[in-house]
């Protein structure tokens, strides 16, 4: 279907019957898929036009976003979670302790099953 739609956009006349055969779709499925593709391409073209029209507004918004990002970088906050972030060393220690506890529990269970 993508090949067929690309040919249509380039104004090349593809042989629809051969493409339907190669796609292993029933004609009704092909027609439904073709309609869905046409809707998708129409909506994509419409959104592309909107983005071009709003391009200048986007540039202003992008400038504001850069300023906001700089503010968060200066504060060291990312999504307001700076107080929840722990150093790597303490996280590593906590994870290793947890893993060793779980390993001991598993070893005890294995010993009990053997007895």
C-alpha atoms as a PDB file:
ATOM      1  CA  UNK A   1       0.000   0.000   0.000  1.00  0.00           C
ATOM      2  CA  UNK A   2       2.855   2.362   0.773  1.00  0.00           C
ATOM      3  CA  UNK A   3       4.291   1.797  -2.696  1.00  0.00           C
ATOM      4  CA  UNK A   4       0.892   2.469  -4.248  1.00  0.00           C
ATOM      5  CA  UNK A   5       0.421   5.701  -2.281  1.00  0.00           C
ATOM      6  CA  UNK A   6       3.966   6.841  -3.074  1.00  0.00           C
ATOM      7  CA  UNK A   7       3.294   6.283  -6.763  1.00  0.00           C
ATOM      8  CA  UNK A   8       0.073   8.278  -6.519  1.00  0.00           C
ATOM      9  CA  UNK A   9       1.849  11.168  -4.822  1.00  0.00           C
ATOM     10  CA  UNK A  10       4.536  11.167  -7.513  1.00  0.00           C
ATOM     11  CA  UNK A  11       1.802  11.056 -10.176  1.00  0.00           C
ATOM     12  CA  UNK A  12       2.910   7.672 -11.500  1.00  0.00           C
ATOM     13  CA  UNK A  13       0.144   5.308 -12.581  1.00  0.00           C
ATOM     14  CA  UNK A  14       0.781   2.000 -10.787  1.00  0.00           C
ATOM     15  CA  UNK A  15      -0.992  -1.175 -11.861  1.00  0.00           C
ATOM     16  CA  UNK A  16      -3.404  -1.645  -9.030  1.00  0.00           C
ATOM     17  CA  UNK A  17      -4.292  -5.242  -9.909  1.00  0.00           C
ATOM     18  CA  UNK A  18      -0.676  -6.390  -9.660  1.00  0.00           C
ATOM     19  CA  UNK A  19      -0.126  -4.580  -6.374  1.00  0.00           C
ATOM     20  CA  UNK A  20      -3.282  -6.113  -4.898  1.00  0.00           C
ATOM     21  CA  UNK A  21      -1.999  -9.543  -5.888  1.00  0.00           C
ATOM     22  CA  UNK A  22       1.436  -8.945  -4.389  1.00  0.00           C
ATOM     23  CA  UNK A  23      -0.067  -7.679  -1.145  1.00  0.00           C
ATOM     24  CA  UNK A  24      -2.073 -10.886  -0.622  1.00  0.00           C
ATOM     25  CA  UNK A  25      -5.122  -8.814   0.322  1.00  0.00           C
ATOM     26  CA  UNK A  26      -8.685  -9.278  -0.799  1.00  0.00           C
ATOM     27  CA  UNK A  27     -10.010  -6.477  -3.024  1.00  0.00           C
ATOM     28  CA  UNK A  28     -12.345  -5.279  -0.259  1.00  0.00           C
ATOM     29  CA  UNK A  29      -9.441  -5.157   2.198  1.00  0.00           C
ATOM     30  CA  UNK A  30      -7.353  -3.244  -0.328  1.00  0.00           C
ATOM     31  CA  UNK A  31     -10.126  -0.697  -0.847  1.00  0.00           C
ATOM     32  CA  UNK A  32     -10.559  -0.185   2.891  1.00  0.00           C
ATOM     33  CA  UNK A  33      -6.820   0.192   3.376  1.00  0.00           C
ATOM     34  CA  UNK A  34      -6.630   2.635   0.482  1.00  0.00           C
ATOM     35  CA  UNK A  35      -9.357   4.812   2.023  1.00  0.00           C
ATOM     36  CA  UNK A  36      -7.589   4.784   5.383  1.00  0.00           C
ATOM     37  CA  UNK A  37      -4.307   5.809   3.738  1.00  0.00           C
ATOM     38  CA  UNK A  38      -5.995   8.648   1.876  1.00  0.00           C
ATOM     39  CA  UNK A  39      -7.505   9.950   5.126  1.00  0.00           C
ATOM     40  CA  UNK A  40      -4.126   9.693   6.818  1.00  0.00           C
ATOM     41  CA  UNK A  41      -2.337  11.540   4.032  1.00  0.00           C
ATOM     42  CA  UNK A  42      -5.007  14.244   3.972  1.00  0.00           C
ATOM     43  CA  UNK A  43      -4.700  14.781   7.722  1.00  0.00           C
ATOM     44  CA  UNK A  44      -0.898  14.802   7.459  1.00  0.00           C
ATOM     45  CA  UNK A  45      -1.046  17.448   4.749  1.00  0.00           C
ATOM     46  CA  UNK A  46      -3.449  19.538   6.820  1.00  0.00           C
ATOM     47  CA  UNK A  47      -1.246  19.342   9.905  1.00  0.00           C
ATOM     48  CA  UNK A  48       1.782  20.241   7.781  1.00  0.00           C
ATOM     49  CA  UNK A  49       0.024  23.395   6.592  1.00  0.00           C
ATOM     50  CA  UNK A  50      -0.918  24.310  10.150  1.00  0.00           C
ATOM     51  CA  UNK A  51       2.646  23.827  11.322  1.00  0.00           C
ATOM     52  CA  UNK A  52       3.955  26.079   8.552  1.00  0.00           C
ATOM     53  CA  UNK A  53       1.431  28.770   9.462  1.00  0.00           C
ATOM     54  CA  UNK A  54       2.260  28.500  13.140  1.00  0.00           C
ATOM     55  CA  UNK A  55       6.005  28.324  12.497  1.00  0.00           C
ATOM     56  CA  UNK A  56       6.645  31.832  13.692  1.00  0.00           C
ATOM     57  CA  UNK A  57       4.624  31.265  16.836  1.00  0.00           C
ATOM     58  CA  UNK A  58       6.562  28.057  17.446  1.00  0.00           C
ATOM     59  CA  UNK A  59       9.864  29.917  17.245  1.00  0.00           C
ATOM     60  CA  UNK A  60       8.722  32.270  20.003  1.00  0.00           C
ATOM     61  CA  UNK A  61       7.518  29.325  22.106  1.00  0.00           C
ATOM     62  CA  UNK A  62      10.842  27.547  21.574  1.00  0.00           C
ATOM     63  CA  UNK A  63      12.672  30.603  22.879  1.00  0.00           C
ATOM     64  CA  UNK A  64      10.507  30.600  25.992  1.00  0.00           C
ATOM     65  CA  UNK A  65      11.157  26.875  26.501  1.00  0.00           C
ATOM     66  CA  UNK A  66      14.921  27.441  26.339  1.00  0.00           C
ATOM     67  CA  UNK A  67      14.648  30.076  29.056  1.00  0.00           C
ATOM     68  CA  UNK A  68      12.547  27.724  31.204  1.00  0.00           C
ATOM     69  CA  UNK A  69      15.058  24.895  30.722  1.00  0.00           C
ATOM     70  CA  UNK A  70      17.891  27.162  31.802  1.00  0.00           C
ATOM     71  CA  UNK A  71      15.973  28.065  34.950  1.00  0.00           C
ATOM     72  CA  UNK A  72      15.473  24.410  35.873  1.00  0.00           C
ATOM     73  CA  UNK A  73      19.118  23.650  35.123  1.00  0.00           C
ATOM     74  CA  UNK A  74      20.229  26.454  37.412  1.00  0.00           C
ATOM     75  CA  UNK A  75      17.970  25.224  40.211  1.00  0.00           C
ATOM     76  CA  UNK A  76      19.013  21.621  39.661  1.00  0.00           C
ATOM     77  CA  UNK A  77      15.377  20.588  39.589  1.00  0.00           C
ATOM     78  CA  UNK A  78      13.973  18.231  37.058  1.00  0.00           C
ATOM     79  CA  UNK A  79      10.244  17.741  37.421  1.00  0.00           C
ATOM     80  CA  UNK A  80      10.556  18.821  41.067  1.00  0.00           C
ATOM     81  CA  UNK A  81      12.241  15.585  42.142  1.00  0.00           C
ATOM     82  CA  UNK A  82      15.599  16.925  43.272  1.00  0.00           C
ATOM     83  CA  UNK A  83      14.924  16.037  46.904  1.00  0.00           C
ATOM     84  CA  UNK A  84      14.066  12.432  45.955  1.00  0.00           C
ATOM     85  CA  UNK A  85      17.279  11.802  44.018  1.00  0.00           C
ATOM     86  CA  UNK A  86      19.854   9.902  46.043  1.00  0.00           C
ATOM     87  CA  UNK A  87      23.560   9.571  45.309  1.00  0.00           C
ATOM     88  CA  UNK A  88      24.660   6.568  43.289  1.00  0.00           C
ATOM     89  CA  UNK A  89      26.829   5.174  46.077  1.00  0.00           C
ATOM     90  CA  UNK A  90      23.978   5.049  48.589  1.00  0.00           C
ATOM     91  CA  UNK A  91      21.603   3.605  45.977  1.00  0.00           C
ATOM     92  CA  UNK A  92      24.156   0.916  45.116  1.00  0.00           C
ATOM     93  CA  UNK A  93      24.654   0.046  48.779  1.00  0.00           C
ATOM     94  CA  UNK A  94      20.905  -0.179  49.364  1.00  0.00           C
ATOM     95  CA  UNK A  95      20.371  -2.391  46.297  1.00  0.00           C
ATOM     96  CA  UNK A  96      23.219  -4.738  47.253  1.00  0.00           C
ATOM     97  CA  UNK A  97      21.914  -5.103  50.806  1.00  0.00           C
ATOM     98  CA  UNK A  98      18.449  -5.907  49.487  1.00  0.00           C
ATOM     99  CA  UNK A  99      19.846  -8.458  47.036  1.00  0.00           C
ATOM    100  CA  UNK A 100      21.924 -10.158  49.757  1.00  0.00           C
ATOM    101  CA  UNK A 101      18.876 -10.373  52.052  1.00  0.00           C
ATOM    102  CA  UNK A 102      16.829 -11.959  49.271  1.00  0.00           C
ATOM    103  CA  UNK A 103      19.668 -14.360  48.476  1.00  0.00           C
ATOM    104  CA  UNK A 104      19.881 -15.488  52.123  1.00  0.00           C
ATOM    105  CA  UNK A 105      16.129 -16.088  52.214  1.00  0.00           C
ATOM    106  CA  UNK A 106      16.334 -18.144  49.032  1.00  0.00           C
ATOM    107  CA  UNK A 107      19.264 -20.169  50.399  1.00  0.00           C
ATOM    108  CA  UNK A 108      17.379 -20.887  53.638  1.00  0.00           C
ATOM    109  CA  UNK A 109      14.335 -22.048  51.680  1.00  0.00           C
ATOM    110  CA  UNK A 110      16.527 -24.298  49.547  1.00  0.00           C
ATOM    111  CA  UNK A 111      18.130 -25.837  52.667  1.00  0.00           C
ATOM    112  CA  UNK A 112      14.720 -26.450  54.242  1.00  0.00           C
ATOM    113  CA  UNK A 113      13.514 -28.213  51.113  1.00  0.00           C
ATOM    114  CA  UNK A 114      16.570 -30.477  51.091  1.00  0.00           C
ATOM    115  CA  UNK A 115      15.999 -31.593  54.707  1.00  0.00           C
END
